[in-house]
């Protein structure tokens, strides 16, 4: 399976973890009825999957309505948006 074929997985109840089992370039689409290729932070639907995306640094903006996964594109302005417990400088 490649990124272009993530969408061929169409069963109900899909999660990020289930789509990742098919291929690490896939995640669950909104509603959990299909997998989609990960193209950026916007593909992630939960804070846990958002902040564990290695290809691009993302943060979970819980203050947004609805909450959304956003890429850190400008370190000087975006890093201050990352808040929470357990943060370190490493």
C-alpha atoms as a PDB file:
ATOM      1  CA  UNK A   1       0.000   0.000   0.000  1.00  0.00           C
ATOM      2  CA  UNK A   2       1.215   3.508  -0.814  1.00  0.00           C
ATOM      3  CA  UNK A   3      -0.031   6.965   0.121  1.00  0.00           C
ATOM      4  CA  UNK A   4      -2.091   7.049  -3.052  1.00  0.00           C
ATOM      5  CA  UNK A   5      -3.951   3.892  -2.017  1.00  0.00           C
ATOM      6  CA  UNK A   6      -4.779   4.798   1.607  1.00  0.00           C
ATOM      7  CA  UNK A   7      -8.327   5.608   0.492  1.00  0.00           C
ATOM      8  CA  UNK A   8      -8.919   2.031  -0.616  1.00  0.00           C
ATOM      9  CA  UNK A   9      -9.324   1.058   3.044  1.00  0.00           C
ATOM     10  CA  UNK A  10     -13.005   1.786   3.637  1.00  0.00           C
ATOM     11  CA  UNK A  11     -14.501   0.019   6.635  1.00  0.00           C
ATOM     12  CA  UNK A  12     -16.366   1.513   9.562  1.00  0.00           C
ATOM     13  CA  UNK A  13     -14.680   2.303  12.842  1.00  0.00           C
ATOM     14  CA  UNK A  14     -11.253   3.204  11.469  1.00  0.00           C
ATOM     15  CA  UNK A  15      -8.840   5.019  13.761  1.00  0.00           C
ATOM     16  CA  UNK A  16      -5.394   6.503  13.225  1.00  0.00           C
ATOM     17  CA  UNK A  17      -3.868   3.362  14.723  1.00  0.00           C
ATOM     18  CA  UNK A  18      -5.838   1.022  12.454  1.00  0.00           C
ATOM     19  CA  UNK A  19      -4.906   2.984   9.330  1.00  0.00           C
ATOM     20  CA  UNK A  20      -1.267   3.071  10.463  1.00  0.00           C
ATOM     21  CA  UNK A  21      -1.367  -0.747  10.617  1.00  0.00           C
ATOM     22  CA  UNK A  22      -2.014  -0.742   6.864  1.00  0.00           C
ATOM     23  CA  UNK A  23       0.726   1.808   6.172  1.00  0.00           C
ATOM     24  CA  UNK A  24       2.448   4.514   8.231  1.00  0.00           C
ATOM     25  CA  UNK A  25       1.584   7.124   5.581  1.00  0.00           C
ATOM     26  CA  UNK A  26      -2.149   6.694   6.331  1.00  0.00           C
ATOM     27  CA  UNK A  27      -4.449   8.094   9.012  1.00  0.00           C
ATOM     28  CA  UNK A  28      -8.199   7.978   9.610  1.00  0.00           C
ATOM     29  CA  UNK A  29     -10.464  10.401   7.791  1.00  0.00           C
ATOM     30  CA  UNK A  30     -13.097  12.341   9.690  1.00  0.00           C
ATOM     31  CA  UNK A  31     -15.903   9.962  10.584  1.00  0.00           C
ATOM     32  CA  UNK A  32     -13.657   6.886  10.594  1.00  0.00           C
ATOM     33  CA  UNK A  33     -15.068   5.334   7.412  1.00  0.00           C
ATOM     34  CA  UNK A  34     -11.856   5.501   5.347  1.00  0.00           C
ATOM     35  CA  UNK A  35      -8.126   5.999   5.578  1.00  0.00           C
ATOM     36  CA  UNK A  36      -6.449   8.996   3.922  1.00  0.00           C
ATOM     37  CA  UNK A  37      -2.844   9.813   3.117  1.00  0.00           C
ATOM     38  CA  UNK A  38      -1.132  12.034   5.658  1.00  0.00           C
ATOM     39  CA  UNK A  39      -0.387  15.258   3.831  1.00  0.00           C
ATOM     40  CA  UNK A  40       0.124  17.526   6.817  1.00  0.00           C
ATOM     41  CA  UNK A  41      -0.982  18.416  10.300  1.00  0.00           C
ATOM     42  CA  UNK A  42      -4.568  19.062   9.199  1.00  0.00           C
ATOM     43  CA  UNK A  43      -5.141  15.333   8.692  1.00  0.00           C
ATOM     44  CA  UNK A  44      -4.986  14.605  12.406  1.00  0.00           C
ATOM     45  CA  UNK A  45      -8.199  14.546  14.401  1.00  0.00           C
ATOM     46  CA  UNK A  46      -6.896  14.140  17.971  1.00  0.00           C
ATOM     47  CA  UNK A  47      -4.223  15.814  20.072  1.00  0.00           C
ATOM     48  CA  UNK A  48      -2.356  12.519  20.509  1.00  0.00           C
ATOM     49  CA  UNK A  49      -1.964  11.858  16.784  1.00  0.00           C
ATOM     50  CA  UNK A  50      -1.325  15.533  16.005  1.00  0.00           C
ATOM     51  CA  UNK A  51       1.673  15.881  18.278  1.00  0.00           C
ATOM     52  CA  UNK A  52       3.278  12.584  17.236  1.00  0.00           C
ATOM     53  CA  UNK A  53       3.705  13.392  13.527  1.00  0.00           C
ATOM     54  CA  UNK A  54       7.451  13.233  12.850  1.00  0.00           C
ATOM     55  CA  UNK A  55       7.542  14.693   9.327  1.00  0.00           C
ATOM     56  CA  UNK A  56       6.227  18.121  10.351  1.00  0.00           C
ATOM     57  CA  UNK A  57       6.063  19.655  13.815  1.00  0.00           C
ATOM     58  CA  UNK A  58       2.426  20.173  14.722  1.00  0.00           C
ATOM     59  CA  UNK A  59       0.549  21.474  17.727  1.00  0.00           C
ATOM     60  CA  UNK A  60      -3.008  20.873  18.908  1.00  0.00           C
ATOM     61  CA  UNK A  61      -4.888  24.151  19.130  1.00  0.00           C
ATOM     62  CA  UNK A  62      -7.514  23.287  21.726  1.00  0.00           C
ATOM     63  CA  UNK A  63      -8.595  26.930  21.909  1.00  0.00           C
ATOM     64  CA  UNK A  64      -9.900  26.812  18.326  1.00  0.00           C
ATOM     65  CA  UNK A  65     -13.530  25.862  17.746  1.00  0.00           C
ATOM     66  CA  UNK A  66     -13.444  23.094  16.785  1.00  0.00           C
ATOM     67  CA  UNK A  67      -9.977  22.132  18.071  1.00  0.00           C
ATOM     68  CA  UNK A  68      -7.518  21.611  15.231  1.00  0.00           C
ATOM     69  CA  UNK A  69      -4.012  20.326  14.477  1.00  0.00           C
ATOM     70  CA  UNK A  70      -1.821  23.126  13.090  1.00  0.00           C
ATOM     71  CA  UNK A  71       1.755  23.075  11.749  1.00  0.00           C
ATOM     72  CA  UNK A  72       4.489  25.032  13.477  1.00  0.00           C
ATOM     73  CA  UNK A  73       5.738  27.054  10.531  1.00  0.00           C
ATOM     74  CA  UNK A  74       7.272  30.097  12.200  1.00  0.00           C
ATOM     75  CA  UNK A  75       9.162  29.073  15.317  1.00  0.00           C
ATOM     76  CA  UNK A  76       9.381  32.608  16.733  1.00  0.00           C
ATOM     77  CA  UNK A  77       5.591  33.040  16.812  1.00  0.00           C
ATOM     78  CA  UNK A  78       4.201  29.490  16.803  1.00  0.00           C
ATOM     79  CA  UNK A  79       6.207  27.877  19.616  1.00  0.00           C
ATOM     80  CA  UNK A  80       4.553  30.074  22.255  1.00  0.00           C
ATOM     81  CA  UNK A  81       1.249  28.459  21.265  1.00  0.00           C
ATOM     82  CA  UNK A  82       2.465  25.064  22.466  1.00  0.00           C
ATOM     83  CA  UNK A  83       1.393  24.793  26.085  1.00  0.00           C
ATOM     84  CA  UNK A  84       0.772  22.023  28.553  1.00  0.00           C
ATOM     85  CA  UNK A  85       2.455  19.832  31.113  1.00  0.00           C
ATOM     86  CA  UNK A  86       5.606  17.782  30.642  1.00  0.00           C
ATOM     87  CA  UNK A  87       7.245  20.185  28.187  1.00  0.00           C
ATOM     88  CA  UNK A  88      11.060  20.177  28.098  1.00  0.00           C
ATOM     89  CA  UNK A  89      13.706  22.021  26.107  1.00  0.00           C
ATOM     90  CA  UNK A  90      15.102  18.874  24.459  1.00  0.00           C
END
